[in-house]
Amino acid sequence: MQNQLKILLPVSILGISLLLLLSNILEPKLIAINKINENMLDQNVKIEGTIEKVQNKGSFEIFSIKDRTKNIDVLCECNLTLKNNLTVIGKVQEYKNNLQIQAEKIIKK
């Protein structure tokens, strides 16, 4: 029993560490903006679209990105221009009863 514990504990810790590492590396699947809903709050999503509007807020920007289904606001510490095509990976948040995405990764196409 004592020998089993000496083996199982390090293996369990290694497994948990590997799962945490993989969850940070793996990207979410691409979804349409109109599929984003309140049930996805605090979850990571991946969307693609075109920038329709940019608002500079000093230390960050808010831009509206539109795909063929809908548009959504994205917050980022970035410098973007209109009509750029992007892929955005970020966390779904709610602000003043509107869903938005806090960008974690932006890929220009």
N, C-alpha and C. Protein backbone atom coordinates (compact mmCIF):
# COMPACT_ATOMS: atom_id res chain seq x y z
N MET A 1 0.82 -1.19 0.00
CA MET A 1 0.00 0.00 0.00
C MET A 1 0.86 1.26 0.00
N GLN A 2 1.90 1.26 0.82
CA GLN A 2 2.81 2.41 0.92
C GLN A 2 3.53 2.64 -0.41
N ASN A 3 3.93 1.59 -1.07
CA ASN A 3 4.63 1.71 -2.36
C ASN A 3 3.69 2.23 -3.44
N GLN A 4 2.44 1.81 -3.39
CA GLN A 4 1.46 2.30 -4.37
C GLN A 4 1.25 3.80 -4.24
N LEU A 5 1.17 4.30 -3.01
CA LEU A 5 1.01 5.73 -2.79
C LEU A 5 2.19 6.52 -3.31
N LYS A 6 3.39 5.97 -3.18
CA LYS A 6 4.59 6.65 -3.66
C LYS A 6 4.57 6.78 -5.18
N ILE A 7 3.92 5.87 -5.86
CA ILE A 7 3.84 5.90 -7.32
C ILE A 7 2.63 6.70 -7.78
N LEU A 8 1.48 6.48 -7.15
CA LEU A 8 0.25 7.11 -7.61
C LEU A 8 0.23 8.63 -7.43
N LEU A 9 0.79 9.13 -6.36
CA LEU A 9 0.78 10.58 -6.13
C LEU A 9 1.57 11.34 -7.20
N PRO A 10 2.80 10.97 -7.52
CA PRO A 10 3.51 11.69 -8.60
C PRO A 10 2.84 11.54 -9.97
N VAL A 11 2.28 10.36 -10.25
CA VAL A 11 1.60 10.15 -11.52
C VAL A 11 0.35 11.04 -11.60
N SER A 12 -0.39 11.15 -10.50
CA SER A 12 -1.57 12.01 -10.48
C SER A 12 -1.19 13.47 -10.67
N ILE A 13 -0.17 13.92 -10.00
CA ILE A 13 0.29 15.31 -10.14
C ILE A 13 0.75 15.58 -11.56
N LEU A 14 1.46 14.65 -12.16
CA LEU A 14 1.91 14.79 -13.54
C LEU A 14 0.71 14.87 -14.49
N GLY A 15 -0.29 14.02 -14.27
CA GLY A 15 -1.48 14.04 -15.12
C GLY A 15 -2.25 15.35 -15.02
N ILE A 16 -2.42 15.85 -13.83
CA ILE A 16 -3.12 17.13 -13.65
C ILE A 16 -2.33 18.26 -14.29
N SER A 17 -1.03 18.26 -14.12
CA SER A 17 -0.18 19.30 -14.73
C SER A 17 -0.28 19.25 -16.25
N LEU A 18 -0.29 18.07 -16.82
CA LEU A 18 -0.41 17.92 -18.27
C LEU A 18 -1.76 18.43 -18.77
N LEU A 19 -2.82 18.15 -18.06
CA LEU A 19 -4.15 18.65 -18.44
C LEU A 19 -4.20 20.17 -18.39
N LEU A 20 -3.63 20.78 -17.37
CA LEU A 20 -3.59 22.24 -17.29
C LEU A 20 -2.79 22.84 -18.43
N LEU A 21 -1.67 22.24 -18.77
CA LEU A 21 -0.85 22.72 -19.88
C LEU A 21 -1.60 22.62 -21.20
N LEU A 22 -2.24 21.50 -21.44
CA LEU A 22 -2.99 21.31 -22.68
C LEU A 22 -4.17 22.27 -22.79
N SER A 23 -4.83 22.57 -21.68
CA SER A 23 -5.96 23.49 -21.73
C SER A 23 -5.52 24.89 -22.11
N ASN A 24 -4.28 25.26 -21.81
CA ASN A 24 -3.75 26.56 -22.19
C ASN A 24 -3.25 26.59 -23.63
N ILE A 25 -2.87 25.46 -24.16
CA ILE A 25 -2.31 25.40 -25.52
C ILE A 25 -3.40 25.22 -26.57
N LEU A 26 -4.37 24.38 -26.29
CA LEU A 26 -5.40 24.06 -27.29
C LEU A 26 -6.34 25.23 -27.49
N GLU A 27 -6.65 25.53 -28.73
CA GLU A 27 -7.56 26.62 -29.05
C GLU A 27 -8.98 26.10 -29.17
N PRO A 28 -9.94 26.96 -28.85
CA PRO A 28 -11.34 26.54 -29.04
C PRO A 28 -11.67 26.44 -30.52
N LYS A 29 -12.75 25.73 -30.84
CA LYS A 29 -13.20 25.61 -32.23
C LYS A 29 -13.81 26.92 -32.70
N LEU A 30 -13.68 27.19 -33.98
CA LEU A 30 -14.25 28.38 -34.59
C LEU A 30 -15.77 28.30 -34.55
N ILE A 31 -16.42 29.39 -34.09
CA ILE A 31 -17.89 29.44 -34.07
C ILE A 31 -18.38 30.74 -34.70
N ALA A 32 -19.62 30.72 -35.14
CA ALA A 32 -20.25 31.93 -35.67
C ALA A 32 -20.62 32.83 -34.49
N ILE A 33 -20.55 34.14 -34.72
CA ILE A 33 -20.82 35.10 -33.65
C ILE A 33 -22.24 34.94 -33.11
N ASN A 34 -23.20 34.62 -33.97
CA ASN A 34 -24.58 34.49 -33.48
C ASN A 34 -24.78 33.29 -32.56
N LYS A 35 -23.80 32.41 -32.45
CA LYS A 35 -23.89 31.26 -31.55
C LYS A 35 -23.42 31.60 -30.14
N ILE A 36 -22.81 32.78 -29.95
CA ILE A 36 -22.34 33.19 -28.63
C ILE A 36 -23.55 33.63 -27.80
N ASN A 37 -23.66 33.07 -26.58
CA ASN A 37 -24.79 33.41 -25.72
C ASN A 37 -24.36 33.47 -24.26
N GLU A 38 -25.31 33.79 -23.39
CA GLU A 38 -25.05 33.97 -21.96
C GLU A 38 -24.50 32.70 -21.30
N ASN A 39 -24.82 31.55 -21.84
CA ASN A 39 -24.31 30.29 -21.28
C ASN A 39 -22.81 30.13 -21.50
N MET A 40 -22.23 30.99 -22.33
CA MET A 40 -20.80 30.89 -22.64
C MET A 40 -19.97 31.91 -21.86
N LEU A 41 -20.57 32.62 -20.90
CA LEU A 41 -19.82 33.59 -20.10
C LEU A 41 -18.60 32.94 -19.47
N ASP A 42 -17.47 33.64 -19.54
CA ASP A 42 -16.17 33.20 -19.00
C ASP A 42 -15.56 32.02 -19.75
N GLN A 43 -16.13 31.66 -20.90
CA GLN A 43 -15.53 30.61 -21.72
C GLN A 43 -14.75 31.23 -22.87
N ASN A 44 -13.72 30.54 -23.32
CA ASN A 44 -12.96 31.00 -24.48
C ASN A 44 -13.69 30.61 -25.76
N VAL A 45 -13.67 31.54 -26.72
CA VAL A 45 -14.27 31.29 -28.03
C VAL A 45 -13.28 31.74 -29.10
N LYS A 46 -13.52 31.27 -30.32
CA LYS A 46 -12.72 31.66 -31.47
C LYS A 46 -13.70 32.10 -32.56
N ILE A 47 -13.51 33.35 -33.03
CA ILE A 47 -14.38 33.88 -34.08
C ILE A 47 -13.52 34.49 -35.18
N GLU A 48 -14.12 34.66 -36.35
CA GLU A 48 -13.47 35.34 -37.47
C GLU A 48 -14.42 36.37 -38.02
N GLY A 49 -13.86 37.48 -38.51
CA GLY A 49 -14.71 38.50 -39.11
C GLY A 49 -13.93 39.71 -39.54
N THR A 50 -14.68 40.77 -39.87
CA THR A 50 -14.11 42.02 -40.37
C THR A 50 -14.41 43.13 -39.37
N ILE A 51 -13.44 43.98 -39.12
CA ILE A 51 -13.63 45.10 -38.21
C ILE A 51 -14.55 46.12 -38.85
N GLU A 52 -15.63 46.47 -38.14
CA GLU A 52 -16.60 47.44 -38.63
C GLU A 52 -16.44 48.81 -37.98
N LYS A 53 -15.98 48.84 -36.73
CA LYS A 53 -15.88 50.09 -35.97
C LYS A 53 -14.77 49.94 -34.94
N VAL A 54 -13.99 51.02 -34.72
CA VAL A 54 -12.92 51.00 -33.73
C VAL A 54 -13.07 52.22 -32.81
N GLN A 55 -13.00 51.99 -31.50
CA GLN A 55 -13.04 53.08 -30.52
C GLN A 55 -11.78 53.00 -29.66
N ASN A 56 -10.98 54.05 -29.69
CA ASN A 56 -9.79 54.10 -28.86
C ASN A 56 -10.16 54.63 -27.49
N LYS A 57 -9.88 53.85 -26.46
CA LYS A 57 -10.23 54.22 -25.08
C LYS A 57 -8.99 54.55 -24.26
N GLY A 58 -7.91 54.93 -24.90
CA GLY A 58 -6.67 55.27 -24.19
C GLY A 58 -5.77 54.05 -24.07
N SER A 59 -5.92 53.29 -22.98
CA SER A 59 -5.05 52.13 -22.76
C SER A 59 -5.54 50.87 -23.47
N PHE A 60 -6.74 50.93 -24.05
CA PHE A 60 -7.27 49.78 -24.78
C PHE A 60 -8.18 50.26 -25.89
N GLU A 61 -8.56 49.34 -26.77
CA GLU A 61 -9.49 49.64 -27.85
C GLU A 61 -10.68 48.70 -27.76
N ILE A 62 -11.81 49.19 -28.25
CA ILE A 62 -12.99 48.35 -28.43
C ILE A 62 -13.29 48.39 -29.92
N PHE A 63 -13.36 47.21 -30.53
CA PHE A 63 -13.74 47.18 -31.94
C PHE A 63 -14.91 46.23 -32.14
N SER A 64 -15.71 46.55 -33.13
CA SER A 64 -16.84 45.71 -33.49
C SER A 64 -16.41 44.84 -34.64
N ILE A 65 -16.55 43.54 -34.47
CA ILE A 65 -16.18 42.59 -35.52
C ILE A 65 -17.45 41.90 -36.01
N LYS A 66 -17.55 41.75 -37.32
CA LYS A 66 -18.75 41.19 -37.92
C LYS A 66 -18.39 40.00 -38.81
N ASP A 67 -19.14 38.92 -38.64
CA ASP A 67 -19.05 37.82 -39.59
C ASP A 67 -20.35 37.81 -40.40
N ARG A 68 -20.63 36.74 -41.09
CA ARG A 68 -21.83 36.72 -41.94
C ARG A 68 -23.11 36.56 -41.14
N THR A 69 -23.00 36.35 -39.81
CA THR A 69 -24.19 36.12 -38.99
C THR A 69 -24.56 37.27 -38.06
N LYS A 70 -23.57 38.00 -37.55
CA LYS A 70 -23.83 39.01 -36.53
C LYS A 70 -22.54 39.77 -36.24
N ASN A 71 -22.60 40.74 -35.33
CA ASN A 71 -21.38 41.41 -34.88
C ASN A 71 -21.31 41.38 -33.36
N ILE A 72 -20.09 41.63 -32.82
CA ILE A 72 -19.87 41.65 -31.38
C ILE A 72 -18.70 42.58 -31.11
N ASP A 73 -18.71 43.21 -29.93
CA ASP A 73 -17.59 44.06 -29.52
C ASP A 73 -16.48 43.22 -28.93
N VAL A 74 -15.24 43.64 -29.21
CA VAL A 74 -14.05 42.96 -28.70
C VAL A 74 -13.18 44.01 -28.03
N LEU A 75 -12.71 43.71 -26.84
CA LEU A 75 -11.79 44.58 -26.11
C LEU A 75 -10.38 44.03 -26.27
N CYS A 76 -9.42 44.95 -26.51
CA CYS A 76 -8.04 44.49 -26.64
C CYS A 76 -7.08 45.64 -26.35
N GLU A 77 -5.86 45.28 -26.03
CA GLU A 77 -4.76 46.23 -25.94
C GLU A 77 -4.03 46.11 -27.27
N CYS A 78 -4.53 46.82 -28.28
CA CYS A 78 -4.03 46.65 -29.64
C CYS A 78 -4.20 47.93 -30.42
N ASN A 79 -3.79 47.91 -31.66
CA ASN A 79 -3.94 49.05 -32.55
C ASN A 79 -4.38 48.51 -33.90
N LEU A 80 -5.68 48.59 -34.18
CA LEU A 80 -6.24 48.00 -35.39
C LEU A 80 -6.90 49.06 -36.24
N THR A 81 -7.14 48.72 -37.49
CA THR A 81 -7.81 49.64 -38.41
C THR A 81 -9.04 48.98 -39.01
N LEU A 82 -9.94 49.81 -39.52
CA LEU A 82 -11.17 49.31 -40.13
C LEU A 82 -10.89 48.36 -41.28
N LYS A 83 -11.82 47.47 -41.49
CA LYS A 83 -11.84 46.52 -42.60
C LYS A 83 -10.77 45.44 -42.51
N ASN A 84 -9.98 45.41 -41.43
CA ASN A 84 -9.05 44.29 -41.25
C ASN A 84 -9.85 43.01 -41.03
N ASN A 85 -9.41 41.92 -41.64
CA ASN A 85 -10.00 40.61 -41.38
C ASN A 85 -9.17 39.94 -40.29
N LEU A 86 -9.87 39.45 -39.26
CA LEU A 86 -9.19 38.92 -38.08
C LEU A 86 -9.76 37.59 -37.63
N THR A 87 -8.93 36.88 -36.90
CA THR A 87 -9.38 35.77 -36.07
C THR A 87 -9.12 36.22 -34.64
N VAL A 88 -10.13 36.08 -33.78
CA VAL A 88 -10.01 36.50 -32.38
C VAL A 88 -10.29 35.30 -31.49
N ILE A 89 -9.42 35.11 -30.52
CA ILE A 89 -9.63 34.12 -29.47
C ILE A 89 -9.70 34.90 -28.17
N GLY A 90 -10.76 34.68 -27.42
CA GLY A 90 -10.90 35.41 -26.17
C GLY A 90 -12.04 34.89 -25.32
N LYS A 91 -12.22 35.55 -24.19
CA LYS A 91 -13.19 35.14 -23.20
C LYS A 91 -14.47 35.96 -23.33
N VAL A 92 -15.61 35.27 -23.31
CA VAL A 92 -16.91 35.93 -23.40
C VAL A 92 -17.20 36.60 -22.05
N GLN A 93 -17.60 37.89 -22.14
CA GLN A 93 -17.94 38.66 -20.95
C GLN A 93 -19.24 39.42 -21.19
N GLU A 94 -19.81 39.93 -20.12
CA GLU A 94 -21.01 40.74 -20.25
C GLU A 94 -20.71 42.12 -19.67
N TYR A 95 -21.12 43.17 -20.40
CA TYR A 95 -20.96 44.55 -19.95
C TYR A 95 -22.22 45.32 -20.31
N LYS A 96 -22.88 45.87 -19.31
CA LYS A 96 -24.13 46.62 -19.51
C LYS A 96 -25.13 45.81 -20.33
N ASN A 97 -25.33 44.57 -19.95
CA ASN A 97 -26.29 43.65 -20.57
C ASN A 97 -25.98 43.31 -22.02
N ASN A 98 -24.75 43.53 -22.47
CA ASN A 98 -24.32 43.14 -23.81
C ASN A 98 -23.14 42.19 -23.71
N LEU A 99 -23.14 41.18 -24.55
CA LEU A 99 -22.01 40.26 -24.58
C LEU A 99 -20.87 40.89 -25.37
N GLN A 100 -19.66 40.63 -24.93
CA GLN A 100 -18.46 41.09 -25.62
C GLN A 100 -17.36 40.06 -25.39
N ILE A 101 -16.24 40.26 -26.07
CA ILE A 101 -15.12 39.33 -25.94
C ILE A 101 -13.89 40.10 -25.49
N GLN A 102 -13.24 39.60 -24.45
CA GLN A 102 -11.94 40.11 -24.02
C GLN A 102 -10.89 39.31 -24.77
N ALA A 103 -10.24 39.98 -25.75
CA ALA A 103 -9.32 39.28 -26.64
C ALA A 103 -8.08 38.80 -25.88
N GLU A 104 -7.70 37.58 -26.14
CA GLU A 104 -6.46 37.03 -25.63
C GLU A 104 -5.44 36.85 -26.76
N LYS A 105 -5.97 36.63 -27.96
CA LYS A 105 -5.10 36.44 -29.13
C LYS A 105 -5.82 36.97 -30.35
N ILE A 106 -5.12 37.78 -31.16
CA ILE A 106 -5.67 38.33 -32.39
C ILE A 106 -4.72 37.98 -33.53
N ILE A 107 -5.29 37.39 -34.58
CA ILE A 107 -4.50 37.00 -35.75
C ILE A 107 -5.03 37.76 -36.96
N LYS A 108 -4.18 38.61 -37.56
CA LYS A 108 -4.60 39.33 -38.77
C LYS A 108 -4.46 38.39 -39.95
N LYS A 109 -5.43 38.48 -40.87
CA LYS A 109 -5.39 37.64 -42.06
C LYS A 109 -4.80 38.38 -43.22
